[in-house]
Amino acid sequence: MRAAEAYTGDPAVDTLLFSWGRVIANVQGWERGFALSIQRDRHKPGWRPSHKQFAVMEKLVRNARPRPAAGIYAADDVPDDVAVIDFDD
């Protein structure tokens, strides 16, 4: 998908859509159905959310769990039984 197809051109809406995958991954029930409908509708030419949809989208993005913070080294997320060779020393 090209960026022109993924975003609306409205910075406020596009900022929300940038995080939309995280929203979909973390919500359930009615909120998941709403998030999936936005995901489907955003690909329609000229689509813009209504004022009410926009308000719900803001709430869902604000309440979405942030991605886990990365450790100091990329190897911090590797299981203990995996040997990591660090060439940066």
Foldseek 3Di string as FASTA:
>chain_A
DDPPQQDQPDVLRRVLSVCLVLLCVADDDPSNVLSVVCNVQSRDPPDDDDPVSSVSSVVSSVPRDDDDDQDPDNCPPPDPVDDDDDPPD
